[in-house]
mmCIF file of all heavy atoms, coordinates in Angstrom:
data_MODEL
# 
_entry.id   MODEL 
# 
loop_
_atom_site.group_PDB 
_atom_site.id 
_atom_site.type_symbol 
_atom_site.label_atom_id 
_atom_site.label_alt_id 
_atom_site.label_comp_id 
_atom_site.label_asym_id 
_atom_site.label_entity_id 
_atom_site.label_seq_id 
_atom_site.pdbx_PDB_ins_code 
_atom_site.Cartn_x 
_atom_site.Cartn_y 
_atom_site.Cartn_z 
_atom_site.occupancy 
_atom_site.B_iso_or_equiv 
_atom_site.pdbx_formal_charge 
_atom_site.auth_seq_id 
_atom_site.auth_comp_id 
_atom_site.auth_asym_id 
_atom_site.auth_atom_id 
_atom_site.pdbx_PDB_model_num 
ATOM 1   N N   . ALA A 1 1  ? 7.314  -9.821 -11.080 1.00 0.00 ? 1  ALA A N   1 
ATOM 2   C CA  . ALA A 1 1  ? 7.082  -8.678 -10.210 1.00 0.00 ? 1  ALA A CA  1 
ATOM 3   C C   . ALA A 1 1  ? 8.065  -8.652 -9.069  1.00 0.00 ? 1  ALA A C   1 
ATOM 4   O O   . ALA A 1 1  ? 8.451  -9.679 -8.549  1.00 0.00 ? 1  ALA A O   1 
ATOM 5   C CB  . ALA A 1 1  ? 5.659  -8.733 -9.646  1.00 0.00 ? 1  ALA A CB  1 
ATOM 6   N N   . LEU A 1 2  ? 8.511  -7.440 -8.751  1.00 0.00 ? 2  LEU A N   1 
ATOM 7   C CA  . LEU A 1 2  ? 9.292  -7.220 -7.548  1.00 0.00 ? 2  LEU A CA  1 
ATOM 8   C C   . LEU A 1 2  ? 8.378  -6.500 -6.575  1.00 0.00 ? 2  LEU A C   1 
ATOM 9   O O   . LEU A 1 2  ? 7.915  -5.413 -6.860  1.00 0.00 ? 2  LEU A O   1 
ATOM 10  C CB  . LEU A 1 2  ? 10.501 -6.346 -7.854  1.00 0.00 ? 2  LEU A CB  1 
ATOM 11  C CG  . LEU A 1 2  ? 11.219 -5.772 -6.633  1.00 0.00 ? 2  LEU A CG  1 
ATOM 12  C CD1 . LEU A 1 2  ? 11.989 -6.875 -5.932  1.00 0.00 ? 2  LEU A CD1 1 
ATOM 13  C CD2 . LEU A 1 2  ? 12.126 -4.658 -7.016  1.00 0.00 ? 2  LEU A CD2 1 
ATOM 14  N N   . VAL A 1 3  ? 8.070  -7.095 -5.470  1.00 0.00 ? 3  VAL A N   1 
ATOM 15  C CA  . VAL A 1 3  ? 7.166  -6.477 -4.517  1.00 0.00 ? 3  VAL A CA  1 
ATOM 16  C C   . VAL A 1 3  ? 7.978  -5.889 -3.382  1.00 0.00 ? 3  VAL A C   1 
ATOM 17  O O   . VAL A 1 3  ? 8.681  -6.596 -2.683  1.00 0.00 ? 3  VAL A O   1 
ATOM 18  C CB  . VAL A 1 3  ? 6.157  -7.493 -3.951  1.00 0.00 ? 3  VAL A CB  1 
ATOM 19  C CG1 . VAL A 1 3  ? 5.205  -6.807 -2.993  1.00 0.00 ? 3  VAL A CG1 1 
ATOM 20  C CG2 . VAL A 1 3  ? 5.401  -8.153 -5.080  1.00 0.00 ? 3  VAL A CG2 1 
ATOM 21  N N   . LEU A 1 4  ? 7.880  -4.564 -3.239  1.00 0.00 ? 4  LEU A N   1 
ATOM 22  C CA  . LEU A 1 4  ? 8.547  -3.872 -2.154  1.00 0.00 ? 4  LEU A CA  1 
ATOM 23  C C   . LEU A 1 4  ? 7.491  -3.636 -1.093  1.00 0.00 ? 4  LEU A C   1 
ATOM 24  O O   . LEU A 1 4  ? 6.921  -2.564 -0.982  1.00 0.00 ? 4  LEU A O   1 
ATOM 25  C CB  . LEU A 1 4  ? 9.135  -2.556 -2.664  1.00 0.00 ? 4  LEU A CB  1 
ATOM 26  C CG  . LEU A 1 4  ? 10.103 -2.722 -3.834  1.00 0.00 ? 4  LEU A CG  1 
ATOM 27  C CD1 . LEU A 1 4  ? 10.366 -1.382 -4.491  1.00 0.00 ? 4  LEU A CD1 1 
ATOM 28  C CD2 . LEU A 1 4  ? 11.389 -3.355 -3.381  1.00 0.00 ? 4  LEU A CD2 1 
ATOM 29  N N   . ALA A 1 5  ? 7.164  -4.699 -0.333  1.00 0.00 ? 5  ALA A N   1 
ATOM 30  C CA  . ALA A 1 5  ? 6.039  -4.651 0.584   1.00 0.00 ? 5  ALA A CA  1 
ATOM 31  C C   . ALA A 1 5  ? 6.513  -4.708 2.012   1.00 0.00 ? 5  ALA A C   1 
ATOM 32  O O   . ALA A 1 5  ? 7.536  -5.285 2.325   1.00 0.00 ? 5  ALA A O   1 
ATOM 33  C CB  . ALA A 1 5  ? 5.105  -5.831 0.316   1.00 0.00 ? 5  ALA A CB  1 
ATOM 34  N N   . SER A 1 6  ? 5.740  -4.113 2.906   1.00 0.00 ? 6  SER A N   1 
ATOM 35  C CA  . SER A 1 6  ? 6.101  -4.103 4.307   1.00 0.00 ? 6  SER A CA  1 
ATOM 36  C C   . SER A 1 6  ? 5.924  -5.483 4.903   1.00 0.00 ? 6  SER A C   1 
ATOM 37  O O   . SER A 1 6  ? 4.997  -6.207 4.579   1.00 0.00 ? 6  SER A O   1 
ATOM 38  C CB  . SER A 1 6  ? 5.221  -3.108 5.055   1.00 0.00 ? 6  SER A CB  1 
ATOM 39  O OG  . SER A 1 6  ? 5.506  -3.146 6.430   1.00 0.00 ? 6  SER A OG  1 
ATOM 40  N N   . THR A 1 7  ? 6.836  -5.860 5.807   1.00 0.00 ? 7  THR A N   1 
ATOM 41  C CA  . THR A 1 7  ? 6.723  -7.140 6.477   1.00 0.00 ? 7  THR A CA  1 
ATOM 42  C C   . THR A 1 7  ? 5.819  -7.043 7.688   1.00 0.00 ? 7  THR A C   1 
ATOM 43  O O   . THR A 1 7  ? 5.581  -8.022 8.368   1.00 0.00 ? 7  THR A O   1 
ATOM 44  C CB  . THR A 1 7  ? 8.115  -7.623 6.918   1.00 0.00 ? 7  THR A CB  1 
ATOM 45  O OG1 . THR A 1 7  ? 8.720  -6.615 7.747   1.00 0.00 ? 7  THR A OG1 1 
ATOM 46  C CG2 . THR A 1 7  ? 9.000  -7.877 5.707   1.00 0.00 ? 7  THR A CG2 1 
ATOM 47  N N   . ALA A 1 8  ? 5.326  -5.875 7.978   1.00 0.00 ? 8  ALA A N   1 
ATOM 48  C CA  . ALA A 1 8  ? 4.403  -5.677 9.095   1.00 0.00 ? 8  ALA A CA  1 
ATOM 49  C C   . ALA A 1 8  ? 3.277  -4.783 8.635   1.00 0.00 ? 8  ALA A C   1 
ATOM 50  O O   . ALA A 1 8  ? 3.368  -4.102 7.627   1.00 0.00 ? 8  ALA A O   1 
ATOM 51  C CB  . ALA A 1 8  ? 5.134  -5.038 10.271  1.00 0.00 ? 8  ALA A CB  1 
ATOM 52  N N   . VAL A 1 9  ? 2.186  -4.818 9.348   1.00 0.00 ? 9  VAL A N   1 
ATOM 53  C CA  . VAL A 1 9  ? 1.042  -3.976 9.013   1.00 0.00 ? 9  VAL A CA  1 
ATOM 54  C C   . VAL A 1 9  ? 1.441  -2.512 9.145   1.00 0.00 ? 9  VAL A C   1 
ATOM 55  O O   . VAL A 1 9  ? 2.169  -2.131 10.060  1.00 0.00 ? 9  VAL A O   1 
ATOM 56  C CB  . VAL A 1 9  ? -0.137 -4.287 9.957   1.00 0.00 ? 9  VAL A CB  1 
ATOM 57  C CG1 . VAL A 1 9  ? -1.322 -3.380 9.637   1.00 0.00 ? 9  VAL A CG1 1 
ATOM 58  C CG2 . VAL A 1 9  ? -0.539 -5.743 9.835   1.00 0.00 ? 9  VAL A CG2 1 
ATOM 59  N N   . HIS A 1 10 ? 0.971  -1.671 8.199   1.00 0.00 ? 10 HIS A N   1 
ATOM 60  C CA  . HIS A 1 10 ? 1.294  -0.251 8.243   1.00 0.00 ? 10 HIS A CA  1 
ATOM 61  C C   . HIS A 1 10 ? 0.487  0.441  9.343   1.00 0.00 ? 10 HIS A C   1 
ATOM 62  O O   . HIS A 1 10 ? -0.401 1.253  9.074   1.00 0.00 ? 10 HIS A O   1 
ATOM 63  C CB  . HIS A 1 10 ? 0.994  0.406  6.892   1.00 0.00 ? 10 HIS A CB  1 
ATOM 64  C CG  . HIS A 1 10 ? 1.938  0.038  5.810   1.00 0.00 ? 10 HIS A CG  1 
ATOM 65  N ND1 . HIS A 1 10 ? 1.694  -0.968 4.906   1.00 0.00 ? 10 HIS A ND1 1 
ATOM 66  C CD2 . HIS A 1 10 ? 3.164  0.513  5.506   1.00 0.00 ? 10 HIS A CD2 1 
ATOM 67  C CE1 . HIS A 1 10 ? 2.707  -1.074 4.078   1.00 0.00 ? 10 HIS A CE1 1 
ATOM 68  N NE2 . HIS A 1 10 ? 3.619  -0.192 4.424   1.00 0.00 ? 10 HIS A NE2 1 
ATOM 69  N N   . ALA A 1 11 ? 0.834  0.106  10.568  1.00 0.00 ? 11 ALA A N   1 
ATOM 70  C CA  . ALA A 1 11 ? 0.083  0.657  11.690  1.00 0.00 ? 11 ALA A CA  1 
ATOM 71  C C   . ALA A 1 11 ? 0.535  2.064  12.049  1.00 0.00 ? 11 ALA A C   1 
ATOM 72  O O   . ALA A 1 11 ? -0.205 2.832  12.654  1.00 0.00 ? 11 ALA A O   1 
ATOM 73  C CB  . ALA A 1 11 ? 0.223  -0.257 12.908  1.00 0.00 ? 11 ALA A CB  1 
ATOM 74  N N   . ALA A 1 12 ? 1.776  2.387  11.671  1.00 0.00 ? 12 ALA A N   1 
ATOM 75  C CA  . ALA A 1 12 ? 2.341  3.662  12.114  1.00 0.00 ? 12 ALA A CA  1 
ATOM 76  C C   . ALA A 1 12 ? 2.109  4.797  11.132  1.00 0.00 ? 12 ALA A C   1 
ATOM 77  O O   . ALA A 1 12 ? 2.458  5.930  11.419  1.00 0.00 ? 12 ALA A O   1 
ATOM 78  C CB  . ALA A 1 12 ? 3.836  3.492  12.359  1.00 0.00 ? 12 ALA A CB  1 
ATOM 79  N N   . CYS A 1 13 ? 1.529  4.519  9.972   1.00 0.00 ? 13 CYS A N   1 
ATOM 80  C CA  . CYS A 1 13 ? 1.323  5.586  8.996   1.00 0.00 ? 13 CYS A CA  1 
ATOM 81  C C   . CYS A 1 13 ? 0.089  5.291  8.143   1.00 0.00 ? 13 CYS A C   1 
ATOM 82  O O   . CYS A 1 13 ? -0.407 4.172  8.098   1.00 0.00 ? 13 CYS A O   1 
ATOM 83  C CB  . CYS A 1 13 ? 2.556  5.747  8.104   1.00 0.00 ? 13 CYS A CB  1 
ATOM 84  S SG  . CYS A 1 13 ? 3.010  4.275  7.163   1.00 0.00 ? 13 CYS A SG  1 
ATOM 85  N N   . THR A 1 14 ? -0.378 6.330  7.490   1.00 0.00 ? 14 THR A N   1 
ATOM 86  C CA  . THR A 1 14 ? -1.559 6.221  6.628   1.00 0.00 ? 14 THR A CA  1 
ATOM 87  C C   . THR A 1 14 ? -1.120 6.359  5.175   1.00 0.00 ? 14 THR A C   1 
ATOM 88  O O   . THR A 1 14 ? -0.399 7.308  4.839   1.00 0.00 ? 14 THR A O   1 
ATOM 89  C CB  . THR A 1 14 ? -2.575 7.325  6.952   1.00 0.00 ? 14 THR A CB  1 
ATOM 90  O OG1 . THR A 1 14 ? -2.961 7.213  8.327   1.00 0.00 ? 14 THR A OG1 1 
ATOM 91  C CG2 . THR A 1 14 ? -3.798 7.218  6.057   1.00 0.00 ? 14 THR A CG2 1 
ATOM 92  N N   . PRO A 1 15 ? -1.514 5.447  4.292   1.00 0.00 ? 15 PRO A N   1 
ATOM 93  C CA  . PRO A 1 15 ? -1.126 5.550  2.881   1.00 0.00 ? 15 PRO A CA  1 
ATOM 94  C C   . PRO A 1 15 ? -1.485 6.904  2.289   1.00 0.00 ? 15 PRO A C   1 
ATOM 95  O O   . PRO A 1 15 ? -2.573 7.438  2.533   1.00 0.00 ? 15 PRO A O   1 
ATOM 96  C CB  . PRO A 1 15 ? -1.912 4.416  2.214   1.00 0.00 ? 15 PRO A CB  1 
ATOM 97  C CG  . PRO A 1 15 ? -2.098 3.413  3.318   1.00 0.00 ? 15 PRO A CG  1 
ATOM 98  C CD  . PRO A 1 15 ? -2.305 4.225  4.557   1.00 0.00 ? 15 PRO A CD  1 
ATOM 99  N N   . ALA A 1 16 ? -0.566 7.466  1.520   1.00 0.00 ? 16 ALA A N   1 
ATOM 100 C CA  . ALA A 1 16 ? -0.775 8.781  0.915   1.00 0.00 ? 16 ALA A CA  1 
ATOM 101 C C   . ALA A 1 16 ? -1.696 8.718  -0.294  1.00 0.00 ? 16 ALA A C   1 
ATOM 102 O O   . ALA A 1 16 ? -2.157 9.754  -0.771  1.00 0.00 ? 16 ALA A O   1 
ATOM 103 C CB  . ALA A 1 16 ? 0.573  9.376  0.521   1.00 0.00 ? 16 ALA A CB  1 
ATOM 104 N N   . ILE A 1 17 ? -1.951 7.508  -0.819  1.00 0.00 ? 17 ILE A N   1 
ATOM 105 C CA  . ILE A 1 17 ? -2.830 7.323  -1.970  1.00 0.00 ? 17 ILE A CA  1 
ATOM 106 C C   . ILE A 1 17 ? -3.948 6.365  -1.568  1.00 0.00 ? 17 ILE A C   1 
ATOM 107 O O   . ILE A 1 17 ? -3.680 5.265  -1.078  1.00 0.00 ? 17 ILE A O   1 
ATOM 108 C CB  . ILE A 1 17 ? -2.061 6.762  -3.177  1.00 0.00 ? 17 ILE A CB  1 
ATOM 109 C CG1 . ILE A 1 17 ? -0.904 7.687  -3.558  1.00 0.00 ? 17 ILE A CG1 1 
ATOM 110 C CG2 . ILE A 1 17 ? -2.992 6.580  -4.374  1.00 0.00 ? 17 ILE A CG2 1 
ATOM 111 C CD1 . ILE A 1 17 ? 0.027  7.102  -4.609  1.00 0.00 ? 17 ILE A CD1 1 
ATOM 112 N N   . THR A 1 18 ? -5.181 6.761  -1.761  1.00 0.00 ? 18 THR A N   1 
ATOM 113 C CA  . THR A 1 18 ? -6.313 5.918  -1.374  1.00 0.00 ? 18 THR A CA  1 
ATOM 114 C C   . THR A 1 18 ? -6.542 4.815  -2.408  1.00 0.00 ? 18 THR A C   1 
ATOM 115 O O   . THR A 1 18 ? -6.144 4.930  -3.569  1.00 0.00 ? 18 THR A O   1 
ATOM 116 C CB  . THR A 1 18 ? -7.587 6.752  -1.238  1.00 0.00 ? 18 THR A CB  1 
ATOM 117 O OG1 . THR A 1 18 ? -7.889 7.356  -2.512  1.00 0.00 ? 18 THR A OG1 1 
ATOM 118 C CG2 . THR A 1 18 ? -7.417 7.848  -0.191  1.00 0.00 ? 18 THR A CG2 1 
ATOM 119 N N   . ASP A 1 19 ? -7.199 3.763  -1.981  1.00 0.00 ? 19 ASP A N   1 
ATOM 120 C CA  . ASP A 1 19 ? -7.453 2.616  -2.857  1.00 0.00 ? 19 ASP A CA  1 
ATOM 121 C C   . ASP A 1 19 ? -8.218 2.993  -4.114  1.00 0.00 ? 19 ASP A C   1 
ATOM 122 O O   . ASP A 1 19 ? -8.029 2.372  -5.178  1.00 0.00 ? 19 ASP A O   1 
ATOM 123 C CB  . ASP A 1 19 ? -8.221 1.536  -2.098  1.00 0.00 ? 19 ASP A CB  1 
ATOM 124 C CG  . ASP A 1 19 ? -7.364 0.807  -1.079  1.00 0.00 ? 19 ASP A CG  1 
ATOM 125 O OD1 . ASP A 1 19 ? -6.126 0.982  -1.112  1.00 0.00 ? 19 ASP A OD1 1 
ATOM 126 O OD2 . ASP A 1 19 ? -7.920 0.066  -0.250  1.00 0.00 ? 19 ASP A OD2 1 
ATOM 127 N N   . GLY A 1 20 ? -9.074 4.002  -4.022  1.00 0.00 ? 20 GLY A N   1 
ATOM 128 C CA  . GLY A 1 20 ? -9.871 4.407  -5.174  1.00 0.00 ? 20 GLY A CA  1 
ATOM 129 C C   . GLY A 1 20 ? -9.042 4.935  -6.328  1.00 0.00 ? 20 GLY A C   1 
ATOM 130 O O   . GLY A 1 20 ? -9.524 5.007  -7.463  1.00 0.00 ? 20 GLY A O   1 
ATOM 131 N N   . ASN A 1 21 ? -7.799 5.308  -6.054  1.00 0.00 ? 21 ASN A N   1 
ATOM 132 C CA  . ASN A 1 21 ? -6.911 5.829  -7.092  1.00 0.00 ? 21 ASN A CA  1 
ATOM 133 C C   . ASN A 1 21 ? -5.902 4.793  -7.588  1.00 0.00 ? 21 ASN A C   1 
ATOM 134 O O   . ASN A 1 21 ? -5.042 5.111  -8.414  1.00 0.00 ? 21 ASN A O   1 
ATOM 135 C CB  . ASN A 1 21 ? -6.155 7.053  -6.565  1.00 0.00 ? 21 ASN A CB  1 
ATOM 136 C CG  . ASN A 1 21 ? -7.071 8.238  -6.372  1.00 0.00 ? 21 ASN A CG  1 
ATOM 137 O OD1 . ASN A 1 21 ? -7.708 8.709  -7.308  1.00 0.00 ? 21 ASN A OD1 1 
ATOM 138 N ND2 . ASN A 1 21 ? -7.154 8.725  -5.143  1.00 0.00 ? 21 ASN A ND2 1 
ATOM 139 N N   . LEU A 1 22 ? -6.018 3.556  -7.106  1.00 0.00 ? 22 LEU A N   1 
ATOM 140 C CA  . LEU A 1 22 ? -5.075 2.498  -7.451  1.00 0.00 ? 22 LEU A CA  1 
ATOM 141 C C   . LEU A 1 22 ? -5.755 1.383  -8.231  1.00 0.00 ? 22 LEU A C   1 
ATOM 142 O O   . LEU A 1 22 ? -6.952 1.146  -8.082  1.00 0.00 ? 22 LEU A O   1 
ATOM 143 C CB  . LEU A 1 22 ? -4.453 1.917  -6.178  1.00 0.00 ? 22 LEU A CB  1 
ATOM 144 C CG  . LEU A 1 22 ? -3.652 2.893  -5.312  1.00 0.00 ? 22 LEU A CG  1 
ATOM 145 C CD1 . LEU A 1 22 ? -3.330 2.264  -3.966  1.00 0.00 ? 22 LEU A CD1 1 
ATOM 146 C CD2 . LEU A 1 22 ? -2.369 3.308  -6.036  1.00 0.00 ? 22 LEU A CD2 1 
ATOM 147 N N   . ILE A 1 23 ? -4.981 0.680  -9.053  1.00 0.00 ? 23 ILE A N   1 
ATOM 148 C CA  . ILE A 1 23 ? -5.512 -0.452 -9.797  1.00 0.00 ? 23 ILE A CA  1 
ATOM 149 C C   . ILE A 1 23 ? -5.931 -1.564 -8.851  1.00 0.00 ? 23 ILE A C   1 
ATOM 150 O O   . ILE A 1 23 ? -7.003 -2.162 -8.999  1.00 0.00 ? 23 ILE A O   1 
ATOM 151 C CB  . ILE A 1 23 ? -4.462 -0.988 -10.797 1.00 0.00 ? 23 ILE A CB  1 
ATOM 152 C CG1 . ILE A 1 23 ? -4.139 0.063  -11.855 1.00 0.00 ? 23 ILE A CG1 1 
ATOM 153 C CG2 . ILE A 1 23 ? -4.944 -2.276 -11.455 1.00 0.00 ? 23 ILE A CG2 1 
ATOM 154 C CD1 . ILE A 1 23 ? -5.315 0.463  -12.715 1.00 0.00 ? 23 ILE A CD1 1 
ATOM 155 N N   . ALA A 1 24 ? -5.088 -1.861 -7.890  1.00 0.00 ? 24 ALA A N   1 
ATOM 156 C CA  . ALA A 1 24 ? -5.380 -2.883 -6.884  1.00 0.00 ? 24 ALA A CA  1 
ATOM 157 C C   . ALA A 1 24 ? -5.281 -2.242 -5.505  1.00 0.00 ? 24 ALA A C   1 
ATOM 158 O O   . ALA A 1 24 ? -4.367 -1.447 -5.260  1.00 0.00 ? 24 ALA A O   1 
ATOM 159 C CB  . ALA A 1 24 ? -4.409 -4.045 -7.003  1.00 0.00 ? 24 ALA A CB  1 
ATOM 160 N N   . PRO A 1 25 ? -6.197 -2.556 -4.593  1.00 0.00 ? 25 PRO A N   1 
ATOM 161 C CA  . PRO A 1 25 ? -6.183 -1.932 -3.273  1.00 0.00 ? 25 PRO A CA  1 
ATOM 162 C C   . PRO A 1 25 ? -4.871 -2.173 -2.531  1.00 0.00 ? 25 PRO A C   1 
ATOM 163 O O   . PRO A 1 25 ? -4.312 -3.258 -2.558  1.00 0.00 ? 25 PRO A O   1 
ATOM 164 C CB  . PRO A 1 25 ? -7.349 -2.621 -2.548  1.00 0.00 ? 25 PRO A CB  1 
ATOM 165 C CG  . PRO A 1 25 ? -8.223 -3.149 -3.635  1.00 0.00 ? 25 PRO A CG  1 
ATOM 166 C CD  . PRO A 1 25 ? -7.306 -3.511 -4.745  1.00 0.00 ? 25 PRO A CD  1 
ATOM 167 N N   . GLY A 1 26 ? -4.378 -1.119 -1.909  1.00 0.00 ? 26 GLY A N   1 
ATOM 168 C CA  . GLY A 1 26 ? -3.270 -1.258 -0.979  1.00 0.00 ? 26 GLY A CA  1 
ATOM 169 C C   . GLY A 1 26 ? -1.889 -1.416 -1.562  1.00 0.00 ? 26 GLY A C   1 
ATOM 170 O O   . GLY A 1 26 ? -0.940 -1.705 -0.832  1.00 0.00 ? 26 GLY A O   1 
ATOM 171 N N   . LYS A 1 27 ? -1.710 -1.196 -2.877  1.00 0.00 ? 27 LYS A N   1 
ATOM 172 C CA  . LYS A 1 27 ? -0.371 -1.276 -3.451  1.00 0.00 ? 27 LYS A CA  1 
ATOM 173 C C   . LYS A 1 27 ? -0.287 -0.458 -4.734  1.00 0.00 ? 27 LYS A C   1 
ATOM 174 O O   . LYS A 1 27 ? -1.284 -0.286 -5.451  1.00 0.00 ? 27 LYS A O   1 
ATOM 175 C CB  . LYS A 1 27 ? 0.029  -2.721 -3.728  1.00 0.00 ? 27 LYS A CB  1 
ATOM 176 C CG  . LYS A 1 27 ? -0.842 -3.439 -4.742  1.00 0.00 ? 27 LYS A CG  1 
ATOM 177 C CD  . LYS A 1 27 ? -0.374 -4.887 -4.923  1.00 0.00 ? 27 LYS A CD  1 
ATOM 178 C CE  . LYS A 1 27 ? -1.272 -5.648 -5.896  1.00 0.00 ? 27 LYS A CE  1 
ATOM 179 N NZ  . LYS A 1 27 ? -0.825 -7.054 -6.066  1.00 0.00 ? 27 LYS A NZ  1 
ATOM 180 N N   . LEU A 1 28 ? 0.916  0.029  -5.009  1.00 0.00 ? 28 LEU A N   1 
ATOM 181 C CA  . LEU A 1 28 ? 1.191  0.799  -6.214  1.00 0.00 ? 28 LEU A CA  1 
ATOM 182 C C   . LEU A 1 28 ? 1.964  -0.098 -7.174  1.00 0.00 ? 28 LEU A C   1 
ATOM 183 O O   . LEU A 1 28 ? 3.053  -0.564 -6.859  1.00 0.00 ? 28 LEU A O   1 
ATOM 184 C CB  . LEU A 1 28 ? 2.019  2.041  -5.865  1.00 0.00 ? 28 LEU A CB  1 
ATOM 185 C CG  . LEU A 1 28 ? 2.421  2.963  -7.021  1.00 0.00 ? 28 LEU A CG  1 
ATOM 186 C CD1 . LEU A 1 28 ? 1.188  3.615  -7.646  1.00 0.00 ? 28 LEU A CD1 1 
ATOM 187 C CD2 . LEU A 1 28 ? 3.394  4.032  -6.523  1.00 0.00 ? 28 LEU A CD2 1 
# 
């Protein structure tokens, strides 16, 4: 896996896709 993840908490924005629509919470 290549993880393109933020090195800081996403405090400045709200994810455009909610966890209920993802296989695993908080990541695509």
